[in-house]
Every structure is written in C-alpha cells, then in structure tokens.
Amino acid sequence: MKRYGMVIHLRPELEDAYVHLHANTWPEVLQKISDCNMRNYTIFMRDGYLFAYYEYVGDDYEADMAKMAADPVTQAWWKLTDPCQEPVESAAEGERWAEMEEVFHHD
C-alpha cells in the first residue's frame, strides 16, 4: 500500500458548488475510485486549498489512473469539478493536483 497526498487551490466563488457536488458524489464515480484500487480517499478543505489523501492498494498505479481517466462517467464528473479548482503555483506542467511529499506517518 502507498499513501498519496495532493493539493490544489479551490476557487472561492465555487466553494459552495464544490462542497455540494461532493456531498452528492455519483455512485459510479465512487465505484470507479474503488475499482482503481484507491482506498480511504478523503478531501480536506481550508483557506482556499483542497488537500486529498488516499491509499493505493494496487500493483500498477499508472494503469489504474489511466483506467480512471478513460472512464466516461469520471470524465463527466471532472467537467463539473475541474472548474472549481486551480493548480498551485508549484504544480508540474500538466499537473492539476500537485503531489505532496510524505514526511511523517504513524499507525
């Protein structure tokens, strides 16, 4: 299992819409997350930032992320959520959610 942490800006004028969307996440989106071997997926919000955390339990992360990206329902979901977000300044070219470095963990 590998833990992932990511960060992105939340557009303040779309905060309510983003929260509403995630309070009503489509079941197909949730199923695709599970099908792609992501567990304990959580998004936190504070001061205009979104912080995501999940645990990847599969053995081919790139293939699972490609499977998710190719899913038409997930693509439709992202068309609603992506406009609410803005990559942080330090995000790599083409990176929306910037991956964070894990510096501490305790079970």
PDB file of N, CA and C in Angstrom:
ATOM      1  N   MET A   1       0.844  -1.172   0.000  1.00  0.00           N
ATOM      2  CA  MET A   1       0.000   0.000   0.000  1.00  0.00           C
ATOM      3  C   MET A   1       0.891   1.238   0.000  1.00  0.00           C
ATOM      4  N   LYS A   2       0.518   2.234  -0.793  1.00  0.00           N
ATOM      5  CA  LYS A   2       1.240   3.507  -0.835  1.00  0.00           C
ATOM      6  C   LYS A   2       0.246   4.625  -0.562  1.00  0.00           C
ATOM      7  N   ARG A   3       0.649   5.546   0.304  1.00  0.00           N
ATOM      8  CA  ARG A   3      -0.174   6.706   0.634  1.00  0.00           C
ATOM      9  C   ARG A   3       0.142   7.847  -0.323  1.00  0.00           C
ATOM     10  N   TYR A   4      -0.893   8.582  -0.735  1.00  0.00           N
ATOM     11  CA  TYR A   4      -0.734   9.748  -1.599  1.00  0.00           C
ATOM     12  C   TYR A   4      -1.390  10.950  -0.938  1.00  0.00           C
ATOM     13  N   GLY A   5      -0.719  12.080  -0.993  1.00  0.00           N
ATOM     14  CA  GLY A   5      -1.278  13.352  -0.567  1.00  0.00           C
ATOM     15  C   GLY A   5      -1.122  14.336  -1.708  1.00  0.00           C
ATOM     16  N   MET A   6      -2.177  15.113  -1.971  1.00  0.00           N
ATOM     17  CA  MET A   6      -2.146  16.068  -3.069  1.00  0.00           C
ATOM     18  C   MET A   6      -2.821  17.363  -2.647  1.00  0.00           C
ATOM     19  N   VAL A   7      -2.476  18.450  -3.346  1.00  0.00           N
ATOM     20  CA  VAL A   7      -3.026  19.755  -3.012  1.00  0.00           C
ATOM     21  C   VAL A   7      -3.401  20.500  -4.292  1.00  0.00           C
ATOM     22  N   ILE A   8      -4.427  21.330  -4.186  1.00  0.00           N
ATOM     23  CA  ILE A   8      -4.863  22.190  -5.274  1.00  0.00           C
ATOM     24  C   ILE A   8      -5.600  23.381  -4.661  1.00  0.00           C
ATOM     25  N   HIS A   9      -5.651  24.491  -5.372  1.00  0.00           N
ATOM     26  CA  HIS A   9      -6.447  25.643  -4.925  1.00  0.00           C
ATOM     27  C   HIS A   9      -7.920  25.409  -5.237  1.00  0.00           C
ATOM     28  N   LEU A  10      -8.772  25.925  -4.378  1.00  0.00           N
ATOM     29  CA  LEU A  10     -10.210  25.932  -4.606  1.00  0.00           C
ATOM     30  C   LEU A  10     -10.621  27.359  -4.941  1.00  0.00           C
ATOM     31  N   ARG A  11     -11.305  27.545  -6.048  1.00  0.00           N
ATOM     32  CA  ARG A  11     -11.772  28.892  -6.418  1.00  0.00           C
ATOM     33  C   ARG A  11     -12.850  29.314  -5.412  1.00  0.00           C
ATOM     34  N   PRO A  12     -12.627  30.420  -4.707  1.00  0.00           N
ATOM     35  CA  PRO A  12     -13.544  30.797  -3.617  1.00  0.00           C
ATOM     36  C   PRO A  12     -14.992  30.977  -4.071  1.00  0.00           C
ATOM     37  N   GLU A  13     -15.189  31.468  -5.267  1.00  0.00           N
ATOM     38  CA  GLU A  13     -16.549  31.696  -5.748  1.00  0.00           C
ATOM     39  C   GLU A  13     -17.287  30.396  -6.079  1.00  0.00           C
ATOM     40  N   LEU A  14     -16.540  29.282  -6.127  1.00  0.00           N
ATOM     41  CA  LEU A  14     -17.145  27.986  -6.439  1.00  0.00           C
ATOM     42  C   LEU A  14     -17.073  26.996  -5.272  1.00  0.00           C
ATOM     43  N   GLU A  15     -16.701  27.502  -4.094  1.00  0.00           N
ATOM     44  CA  GLU A  15     -16.580  26.626  -2.927  1.00  0.00           C
ATOM     45  C   GLU A  15     -17.892  25.916  -2.609  1.00  0.00           C
ATOM     46  N   ASP A  16     -18.997  26.657  -2.563  1.00  0.00           N
ATOM     47  CA  ASP A  16     -20.288  26.035  -2.238  1.00  0.00           C
ATOM     48  C   ASP A  16     -20.664  24.968  -3.265  1.00  0.00           C
ATOM     49  N   ALA A  17     -20.425  25.238  -4.527  1.00  0.00           N
ATOM     50  CA  ALA A  17     -20.733  24.266  -5.579  1.00  0.00           C
ATOM     51  C   ALA A  17     -19.884  23.008  -5.413  1.00  0.00           C
ATOM     52  N   TYR A  18     -18.607  23.189  -5.099  1.00  0.00           N
ATOM     53  CA  TYR A  18     -17.706  22.053  -4.931  1.00  0.00           C
ATOM     54  C   TYR A  18     -18.139  21.188  -3.747  1.00  0.00           C
ATOM     55  N   VAL A  19     -18.460  21.818  -2.643  1.00  0.00           N
ATOM     56  CA  VAL A  19     -18.907  21.078  -1.457  1.00  0.00           C
ATOM     57  C   VAL A  19     -20.214  20.343  -1.763  1.00  0.00           C
ATOM     58  N   HIS A  20     -21.125  20.998  -2.451  1.00  0.00           N
ATOM     59  CA  HIS A  20     -22.399  20.369  -2.807  1.00  0.00           C
ATOM     60  C   HIS A  20     -22.172  19.152  -3.714  1.00  0.00           C
ATOM     61  N   LEU A  21     -21.307  19.299  -4.706  1.00  0.00           N
ATOM     62  CA  LEU A  21     -21.009  18.163  -5.578  1.00  0.00           C
ATOM     63  C   LEU A  21     -20.514  16.969  -4.782  1.00  0.00           C
ATOM     64  N   HIS A  22     -19.601  17.212  -3.859  1.00  0.00           N
ATOM     65  CA  HIS A  22     -19.015  16.097  -3.107  1.00  0.00           C
ATOM     66  C   HIS A  22     -19.944  15.551  -2.024  1.00  0.00           C
ATOM     67  N   ALA A  23     -20.917  16.318  -1.627  1.00  0.00           N
ATOM     68  CA  ALA A  23     -21.938  15.798  -0.722  1.00  0.00           C
ATOM     69  C   ALA A  23     -22.903  14.877  -1.473  1.00  0.00           C
ATOM     70  N   ASN A  24     -22.834  14.948  -2.809  1.00  0.00           N
ATOM     71  CA  ASN A  24     -23.725  14.169  -3.666  1.00  0.00           C
ATOM     72  C   ASN A  24     -22.940  13.455  -4.765  1.00  0.00           C
ATOM     73  N   THR A  25     -21.793  12.916  -4.401  1.00  0.00           N
ATOM     74  CA  THR A  25     -20.928  12.263  -5.388  1.00  0.00           C
ATOM     75  C   THR A  25     -21.674  11.108  -6.047  1.00  0.00           C
ATOM     76  N   TRP A  26     -21.551  11.037  -7.351  1.00  0.00           N
ATOM     77  CA  TRP A  26     -22.236   9.988  -8.109  1.00  0.00           C
ATOM     78  C   TRP A  26     -21.720   8.610  -7.703  1.00  0.00           C
ATOM     79  N   PRO A  27     -22.602   7.646  -7.539  1.00  0.00           N
ATOM     80  CA  PRO A  27     -22.182   6.300  -7.159  1.00  0.00           C
ATOM     81  C   PRO A  27     -21.185   5.681  -8.147  1.00  0.00           C
ATOM     82  N   GLU A  28     -21.336   5.969  -9.432  1.00  0.00           N
ATOM     83  CA  GLU A  28     -20.418   5.426 -10.437  1.00  0.00           C
ATOM     84  C   GLU A  28     -18.998   5.958 -10.259  1.00  0.00           C
ATOM     85  N   VAL A  29     -18.891   7.202  -9.809  1.00  0.00           N
ATOM     86  CA  VAL A  29     -17.574   7.789  -9.546  1.00  0.00           C
ATOM     87  C   VAL A  29     -16.939   7.094  -8.343  1.00  0.00           C
ATOM     88  N   LEU A  30     -17.716   6.893  -7.304  1.00  0.00           N
ATOM     89  CA  LEU A  30     -17.203   6.201  -6.122  1.00  0.00           C
ATOM     90  C   LEU A  30     -16.778   4.772  -6.459  1.00  0.00           C
ATOM     91  N   GLN A  31     -17.562   4.097  -7.297  1.00  0.00           N
ATOM     92  CA  GLN A  31     -17.219   2.731  -7.686  1.00  0.00           C
ATOM     93  C   GLN A  31     -15.926   2.705  -8.499  1.00  0.00           C
ATOM     94  N   LYS A  32     -15.737   3.681  -9.382  1.00  0.00           N
ATOM     95  CA  LYS A  32     -14.519   3.720 -10.200  1.00  0.00           C
ATOM     96  C   LYS A  32     -13.295   3.959  -9.309  1.00  0.00           C
ATOM     97  N   ILE A  33     -13.430   4.799  -8.299  1.00  0.00           N
ATOM     98  CA  ILE A  33     -12.335   5.014  -7.350  1.00  0.00           C
ATOM     99  C   ILE A  33     -11.944   3.677  -6.715  1.00  0.00           C
ATOM    100  N   SER A  34     -12.924   2.930  -6.267  1.00  0.00           N
ATOM    101  CA  SER A  34     -12.649   1.617  -5.662  1.00  0.00           C
ATOM    102  C   SER A  34     -12.068   0.651  -6.679  1.00  0.00           C
ATOM    103  N   ASP A  35     -12.644   0.631  -7.888  1.00  0.00           N
ATOM    104  CA  ASP A  35     -12.157  -0.266  -8.944  1.00  0.00           C
ATOM    105  C   ASP A  35     -10.699   0.017  -9.317  1.00  0.00           C
ATOM    106  N   CYS A  36     -10.268   1.249  -9.108  1.00  0.00           N
ATOM    107  CA  CYS A  36      -8.892   1.645  -9.440  1.00  0.00           C
ATOM    108  C   CYS A  36      -7.964   1.527  -8.238  1.00  0.00           C
ATOM    109  N   ASN A  37      -8.382   0.755  -7.245  1.00  0.00           N
ATOM    110  CA  ASN A  37      -7.537   0.383  -6.100  1.00  0.00           C
ATOM    111  C   ASN A  37      -7.169   1.544  -5.179  1.00  0.00           C
ATOM    112  N   MET A  38      -8.049   2.527  -5.085  1.00  0.00           N
ATOM    113  CA  MET A  38      -7.854   3.640  -4.155  1.00  0.00           C
ATOM    114  C   MET A  38      -8.751   3.404  -2.940  1.00  0.00           C
ATOM    115  N   ARG A  39      -8.177   3.548  -1.749  1.00  0.00           N
ATOM    116  CA  ARG A  39      -8.926   3.345  -0.509  1.00  0.00           C
ATOM    117  C   ARG A  39      -8.728   4.569   0.391  1.00  0.00           C
ATOM    118  N   ASN A  40      -9.665   4.746   1.309  1.00  0.00           N
ATOM    119  CA  ASN A  40      -9.590   5.847   2.286  1.00  0.00           C
ATOM    120  C   ASN A  40      -9.401   7.200   1.615  1.00  0.00           C
ATOM    121  N   TYR A  41     -10.063   7.400   0.471  1.00  0.00           N
ATOM    122  CA  TYR A  41      -9.936   8.660  -0.267  1.00  0.00           C
ATOM    123  C   TYR A  41     -10.675   9.752   0.501  1.00  0.00           C
ATOM    124  N   THR A  42      -9.963  10.794   0.846  1.00  0.00           N
ATOM    125  CA  THR A  42     -10.501  11.885   1.646  1.00  0.00           C
ATOM    126  C   THR A  42     -10.025  13.208   1.059  1.00  0.00           C
ATOM    127  N   ILE A  43     -10.919  14.203   1.039  1.00  0.00           N
ATOM    128  CA  ILE A  43     -10.532  15.558   0.637  1.00  0.00           C
ATOM    129  C   ILE A  43     -10.831  16.485   1.798  1.00  0.00           C
ATOM    130  N   PHE A  44      -9.831  17.254   2.197  1.00  0.00           N
ATOM    131  CA  PHE A  44      -9.958  18.262   3.242  1.00  0.00           C
ATOM    132  C   PHE A  44      -9.929  19.642   2.595  1.00  0.00           C
ATOM    133  N   MET A  45     -10.550  20.624   3.241  1.00  0.00           N
ATOM    134  CA  MET A  45     -10.602  21.984   2.715  1.00  0.00           C
ATOM    135  C   MET A  45     -10.219  22.976   3.815  1.00  0.00           C
ATOM    136  N   ARG A  46      -9.379  23.944   3.434  1.00  0.00           N
ATOM    137  CA  ARG A  46      -9.020  25.008   4.377  1.00  0.00           C
ATOM    138  C   ARG A  46      -8.401  26.175   3.634  1.00  0.00           C
ATOM    139  N   ASP A  47      -8.865  27.382   3.932  1.00  0.00           N
ATOM    140  CA  ASP A  47      -8.257  28.623   3.440  1.00  0.00           C
ATOM    141  C   ASP A  47      -7.974  28.607   1.940  1.00  0.00           C
ATOM    142  N   GLY A  48      -8.924  28.109   1.171  1.00  0.00           N
ATOM    143  CA  GLY A  48      -8.772  28.120  -0.274  1.00  0.00           C
ATOM    144  C   GLY A  48      -7.957  26.979  -0.854  1.00  0.00           C
ATOM    145  N   TYR A  49      -7.604  26.014  -0.031  1.00  0.00           N
ATOM    146  CA  TYR A  49      -6.864  24.845  -0.504  1.00  0.00           C
ATOM    147  C   TYR A  49      -7.701  23.589  -0.297  1.00  0.00           C
ATOM    148  N   LEU A  50      -7.523  22.649  -1.211  1.00  0.00           N
ATOM    149  CA  LEU A  50      -8.059  21.306  -1.056  1.00  0.00           C
ATOM    150  C   LEU A  50      -6.879  20.366  -0.881  1.00  0.00           C
ATOM    151  N   PHE A  51      -6.949  19.504   0.104  1.00  0.00           N
ATOM    152  CA  PHE A  51      -5.918  18.505   0.363  1.00  0.00           C
ATOM    153  C   PHE A  51      -6.567  17.128   0.218  1.00  0.00           C
ATOM    154  N   ALA A  52      -6.044  16.309  -0.671  1.00  0.00           N
ATOM    155  CA  ALA A  52      -6.573  14.965  -0.878  1.00  0.00           C
ATOM    156  C   ALA A  52      -5.601  13.941  -0.313  1.00  0.00           C
ATOM    157  N   TYR A  53      -6.166  12.888   0.233  1.00  0.00           N
ATOM    158  CA  TYR A  53      -5.379  11.772   0.759  1.00  0.00           C
ATOM    159  C   TYR A  53      -6.054  10.486   0.319  1.00  0.00           C
ATOM    160  N   TYR A  54      -5.265   9.529  -0.130  1.00  0.00           N
ATOM    161  CA  TYR A  54      -5.784   8.193  -0.385  1.00  0.00           C
ATOM    162  C   TYR A  54      -4.659   7.176  -0.305  1.00  0.00           C
ATOM    163  N   GLU A  55      -5.071   5.939  -0.170  1.00  0.00           N
ATOM    164  CA  GLU A  55      -4.139   4.820  -0.124  1.00  0.00           C
ATOM    165  C   GLU A  55      -4.341   3.997  -1.388  1.00  0.00           C
ATOM    166  N   TYR A  56      -3.262   3.726  -2.087  1.00  0.00           N
ATOM    167  CA  TYR A  56      -3.313   2.924  -3.305  1.00  0.00           C
ATOM    168  C   TYR A  56      -2.893   1.498  -2.966  1.00  0.00           C
ATOM    169  N   VAL A  57      -3.770   0.541  -3.266  1.00  0.00           N
ATOM    170  CA  VAL A  57      -3.507  -0.848  -2.888  1.00  0.00           C
ATOM    171  C   VAL A  57      -3.285  -1.758  -4.098  1.00  0.00           C
ATOM    172  N   GLY A  58      -3.213  -1.206  -5.283  1.00  0.00           N
ATOM    173  CA  GLY A  58      -2.999  -1.998  -6.485  1.00  0.00           C
ATOM    174  C   GLY A  58      -1.525  -2.229  -6.757  1.00  0.00           C
ATOM    175  N   ASP A  59      -1.231  -2.786  -7.939  1.00  0.00           N
ATOM    176  CA  ASP A  59       0.160  -3.049  -8.298  1.00  0.00           C
ATOM    177  C   ASP A  59       0.586  -2.358  -9.597  1.00  0.00           C
ATOM    178  N   ASP A  60      -0.309  -1.533 -10.190  1.00  0.00           N
ATOM    179  CA  ASP A  60       0.039  -0.783 -11.395  1.00  0.00           C
ATOM    180  C   ASP A  60      -0.683   0.560 -11.362  1.00  0.00           C
ATOM    181  N   TYR A  61      -0.094   1.498 -10.639  1.00  0.00           N
ATOM    182  CA  TYR A  61      -0.718   2.803 -10.411  1.00  0.00           C
ATOM    183  C   TYR A  61      -1.024   3.518 -11.725  1.00  0.00           C
ATOM    184  N   GLU A  62      -0.066   3.546 -12.631  1.00  0.00           N
ATOM    185  CA  GLU A  62      -0.249   4.261 -13.894  1.00  0.00           C
ATOM    186  C   GLU A  62      -1.419   3.680 -14.682  1.00  0.00           C
ATOM    187  N   ALA A  63      -1.520   2.358 -14.735  1.00  0.00           N
ATOM    188  CA  ALA A  63      -2.624   1.714 -15.460  1.00  0.00           C
ATOM    189  C   ALA A  63      -3.969   2.015 -14.800  1.00  0.00           C
ATOM    190  N   ASP A  64      -4.007   1.988 -13.481  1.00  0.00           N
ATOM    191  CA  ASP A  64      -5.255   2.287 -12.790  1.00  0.00           C
ATOM    192  C   ASP A  64      -5.672   3.740 -12.988  1.00  0.00           C
ATOM    193  N   MET A  65      -4.719   4.666 -12.963  1.00  0.00           N
ATOM    194  CA  MET A  65      -5.058   6.071 -13.180  1.00  0.00           C
ATOM    195  C   MET A  65      -5.494   6.307 -14.629  1.00  0.00           C
ATOM    196  N   ALA A  66      -4.897   5.584 -15.573  1.00  0.00           N
ATOM    197  CA  ALA A  66      -5.314   5.680 -16.981  1.00  0.00           C
ATOM    198  C   ALA A  66      -6.732   5.127 -17.151  1.00  0.00           C
ATOM    199  N   LYS A  67      -7.034   4.040 -16.442  1.00  0.00           N
ATOM    200  CA  LYS A  67      -8.382   3.456 -16.485  1.00  0.00           C
ATOM    201  C   LYS A  67      -9.407   4.457 -15.964  1.00  0.00           C
ATOM    202  N   MET A  68      -9.063   5.134 -14.879  1.00  0.00           N
ATOM    203  CA  MET A  68      -9.969   6.128 -14.325  1.00  0.00           C
ATOM    204  C   MET A  68     -10.162   7.293 -15.303  1.00  0.00           C
ATOM    205  N   ALA A  69      -9.074   7.777 -15.862  1.00  0.00           N
ATOM    206  CA  ALA A  69      -9.134   8.916 -16.781  1.00  0.00           C
ATOM    207  C   ALA A  69      -9.917   8.586 -18.049  1.00  0.00           C
ATOM    208  N   ALA A  70      -9.951   7.329 -18.441  1.00  0.00           N
ATOM    209  CA  ALA A  70     -10.653   6.928 -19.660  1.00  0.00           C
ATOM    210  C   ALA A  70     -12.146   6.694 -19.436  1.00  0.00           C
ATOM    211  N   ASP A  71     -12.572   6.665 -18.198  1.00  0.00           N
ATOM    212  CA  ASP A  71     -13.968   6.369 -17.872  1.00  0.00           C
ATOM    213  C   ASP A  71     -14.871   7.559 -18.213  1.00  0.00           C
ATOM    214  N   PRO A  72     -15.897   7.370 -19.056  1.00  0.00           N
ATOM    215  CA  PRO A  72     -16.765   8.488 -19.460  1.00  0.00           C
ATOM    216  C   PRO A  72     -17.505   9.143 -18.297  1.00  0.00           C
ATOM    217  N   VAL A  73     -17.936   8.376 -17.305  1.00  0.00           N
ATOM    218  CA  VAL A  73     -18.643   8.965 -16.163  1.00  0.00           C
ATOM    219  C   VAL A  73     -17.683   9.822 -15.341  1.00  0.00           C
ATOM    220  N   THR A  74     -16.475   9.334 -15.119  1.00  0.00           N
ATOM    221  CA  THR A  74     -15.470  10.125 -14.394  1.00  0.00           C
ATOM    222  C   THR A  74     -15.139  11.390 -15.166  1.00  0.00           C
ATOM    223  N   GLN A  75     -15.028  11.296 -16.477  1.00  0.00           N
ATOM    224  CA  GLN A  75     -14.765  12.483 -17.296  1.00  0.00           C
ATOM    225  C   GLN A  75     -15.889  13.515 -17.148  1.00  0.00           C
ATOM    226  N   ALA A  76     -17.135  13.062 -17.108  1.00  0.00           N
ATOM    227  CA  ALA A  76     -18.266  13.972 -16.915  1.00  0.00           C
ATOM    228  C   ALA A  76     -18.215  14.615 -15.535  1.00  0.00           C
ATOM    229  N   TRP A  77     -17.823  13.831 -14.522  1.00  0.00           N
ATOM    230  CA  TRP A  77     -17.673  14.354 -13.157  1.00  0.00           C
ATOM    231  C   TRP A  77     -16.597  15.437 -13.115  1.00  0.00           C
ATOM    232  N   TRP A  78     -15.460  15.161 -13.752  1.00  0.00           N
ATOM    233  CA  TRP A  78     -14.367  16.131 -13.766  1.00  0.00           C
ATOM    234  C   TRP A  78     -14.752  17.413 -14.486  1.00  0.00           C
ATOM    235  N   LYS A  79     -15.656  17.339 -15.456  1.00  0.00           N
ATOM    236  CA  LYS A  79     -16.113  18.559 -16.138  1.00  0.00           C
ATOM    237  C   LYS A  79     -16.856  19.471 -15.170  1.00  0.00           C
ATOM    238  N   LEU A  80     -17.418  18.899 -14.124  1.00  0.00           N
ATOM    239  CA  LEU A  80     -18.094  19.692 -13.093  1.00  0.00           C
ATOM    240  C   LEU A  80     -17.130  20.174 -12.019  1.00  0.00           C
ATOM    241  N   THR A  81     -16.185  19.313 -11.618  1.00  0.00           N
ATOM    242  CA  THR A  81     -15.301  19.664 -10.504  1.00  0.00           C
ATOM    243  C   THR A  81     -14.076  20.473 -10.926  1.00  0.00           C
ATOM    244  N   ASP A  82     -13.525  20.196 -12.112  1.00  0.00           N
ATOM    245  CA  ASP A  82     -12.299  20.890 -12.541  1.00  0.00           C
ATOM    246  C   ASP A  82     -12.423  22.411 -12.558  1.00  0.00           C
ATOM    247  N   PRO A  83     -13.547  22.981 -13.002  1.00  0.00           N
ATOM    248  CA  PRO A  83     -13.644  24.451 -12.997  1.00  0.00           C
ATOM    249  C   PRO A  83     -13.593  25.067 -11.596  1.00  0.00           C
ATOM    250  N   CYS A  84     -13.839  24.248 -10.573  1.00  0.00           N
ATOM    251  CA  CYS A  84     -13.801  24.731  -9.188  1.00  0.00           C
ATOM    252  C   CYS A  84     -12.368  24.823  -8.660  1.00  0.00           C
ATOM    253  N   GLN A  85     -11.434  24.256  -9.388  1.00  0.00           N
ATOM    254  CA  GLN A  85     -10.066  24.102  -8.911  1.00  0.00           C
ATOM    255  C   GLN A  85      -9.084  24.871  -9.780  1.00  0.00           C
ATOM    256  N   GLU A  86      -7.935  25.148  -9.167  1.00  0.00           N
ATOM    257  CA  GLU A  86      -6.846  25.829  -9.869  1.00  0.00           C
ATOM    258  C   GLU A  86      -5.537  25.266  -9.317  1.00  0.00           C
ATOM    259  N   PRO A  87      -4.666  24.744 -10.176  1.00  0.00           N
ATOM    260  CA  PRO A  87      -3.411  24.166  -9.672  1.00  0.00           C
ATOM    261  C   PRO A  87      -2.603  25.175  -8.848  1.00  0.00           C
ATOM    262  N   VAL A  88      -1.888  24.666  -7.856  1.00  0.00           N
ATOM    263  CA  VAL A  88      -0.991  25.518  -7.079  1.00  0.00           C
ATOM    264  C   VAL A  88       0.175  25.933  -7.964  1.00  0.00           C
ATOM    265  N   GLU A  89       0.825  27.001  -7.576  1.00  0.00           N
ATOM    266  CA  GLU A  89       1.912  27.566  -8.381  1.00  0.00           C
ATOM    267  C   GLU A  89       3.038  26.572  -8.636  1.00  0.00           C
ATOM    268  N   SER A  90       3.304  25.713  -7.677  1.00  0.00           N
ATOM    269  CA  SER A  90       4.423  24.773  -7.803  1.00  0.00           C
ATOM    270  C   SER A  90       4.064  23.480  -8.537  1.00  0.00           C
ATOM    271  N   ALA A  91       2.846  23.367  -9.044  1.00  0.00           N
ATOM    272  CA  ALA A  91       2.449  22.144  -9.761  1.00  0.00           C
ATOM    273  C   ALA A  91       3.310  21.979 -11.008  1.00  0.00           C
ATOM    274  N   ALA A  92       3.617  20.736 -11.331  1.00  0.00           N
ATOM    275  CA  ALA A  92       4.388  20.441 -12.533  1.00  0.00           C
ATOM    276  C   ALA A  92       3.539  20.732 -13.771  1.00  0.00           C
ATOM    277  N   GLU A  93       4.185  20.890 -14.890  1.00  0.00           N
ATOM    278  CA  GLU A  93       3.485  21.125 -16.155  1.00  0.00           C
ATOM    279  C   GLU A  93       2.452  20.025 -16.388  1.00  0.00           C
ATOM    280  N   GLY A  94       1.199  20.417 -16.598  1.00  0.00           N
ATOM    281  CA  GLY A  94       0.134  19.467 -16.846  1.00  0.00           C
ATOM    282  C   GLY A  94      -0.451  18.810 -15.606  1.00  0.00           C
ATOM    283  N   GLU A  95       0.088  19.116 -14.446  1.00  0.00           N
ATOM    284  CA  GLU A  95      -0.380  18.515 -13.188  1.00  0.00           C
ATOM    285  C   GLU A  95      -1.477  19.387 -12.584  1.00  0.00           C
ATOM    286  N   ARG A  96      -2.643  18.822 -12.312  1.00  0.00           N
ATOM    287  CA  ARG A  96      -3.710  19.577 -11.655  1.00  0.00           C
ATOM    288  C   ARG A  96      -3.494  19.512 -10.141  1.00  0.00           C
ATOM    289  N   TRP A  97      -3.740  18.343  -9.579  1.00  0.00           N
ATOM    290  CA  TRP A  97      -3.470  18.140  -8.156  1.00  0.00           C
ATOM    291  C   TRP A  97      -1.966  17.889  -8.006  1.00  0.00           C
ATOM    292  N   ALA A  98      -1.289  18.728  -7.244  1.00  0.00           N
ATOM    293  CA  ALA A  98       0.157  18.577  -7.046  1.00  0.00           C
ATOM    294  C   ALA A  98       0.413  17.552  -5.937  1.00  0.00           C
ATOM    295  N   GLU A  99       1.215  16.557  -6.272  1.00  0.00           N
ATOM    296  CA  GLU A  99       1.535  15.523  -5.298  1.00  0.00           C
ATOM    297  C   GLU A  99       2.427  16.099  -4.198  1.00  0.00           C
ATOM    298  N   MET A 100       2.117  15.742  -2.951  1.00  0.00           N
ATOM    299  CA  MET A 100       2.879  16.207  -1.805  1.00  0.00           C
ATOM    300  C   MET A 100       3.829  15.114  -1.344  1.00  0.00           C
ATOM    301  N   GLU A 101       4.904  15.512  -0.700  1.00  0.00           N
ATOM    302  CA  GLU A 101       5.879  14.573  -0.155  1.00  0.00           C
ATOM    303  C   GLU A 101       5.457  14.172   1.260  1.00  0.00           C
ATOM    304  N   GLU A 102       5.412  12.879   1.512  1.00  0.00           N
ATOM    305  CA  GLU A 102       5.128  12.400   2.858  1.00  0.00           C
ATOM    306  C   GLU A 102       6.380  12.550   3.704  1.00  0.00           C
ATOM    307  N   VAL A 103       6.248  13.248   4.829  1.00  0.00           N
ATOM    308  CA  VAL A 103       7.415  13.444   5.712  1.00  0.00           C
ATOM    309  C   VAL A 103       7.222  12.786   7.079  1.00  0.00           C
ATOM    310  N   PHE A 104       5.996  12.323   7.365  1.00  0.00           N
ATOM    311  CA  PHE A 104       5.772  11.659   8.642  1.00  0.00           C
ATOM    312  C   PHE A 104       4.513  10.812   8.547  1.00  0.00           C
ATOM    313  N   HIS A 105       4.551   9.650   9.174  1.00  0.00           N
ATOM    314  CA  HIS A 105       3.383   8.791   9.292  1.00  0.00           C
ATOM    315  C   HIS A 105       3.516   7.958  10.568  1.00  0.00           C
ATOM    316  N   HIS A 106       2.401   7.769  11.260  1.00  0.00           N
ATOM    317  CA  HIS A 106       2.377   6.916  12.441  1.00  0.00           C
ATOM    318  C   HIS A 106       1.069   6.141  12.442  1.00  0.00           C
ATOM    319  N   ASP A 107       1.139   4.836  12.556  1.00  0.00           N
ATOM    320  CA  ASP A 107      -0.077   3.995  12.663  1.00  0.00           C
ATOM    321  C   ASP A 107      -0.497   3.888  14.113  1.00  0.00           C
TER     322      ASP A 107
END
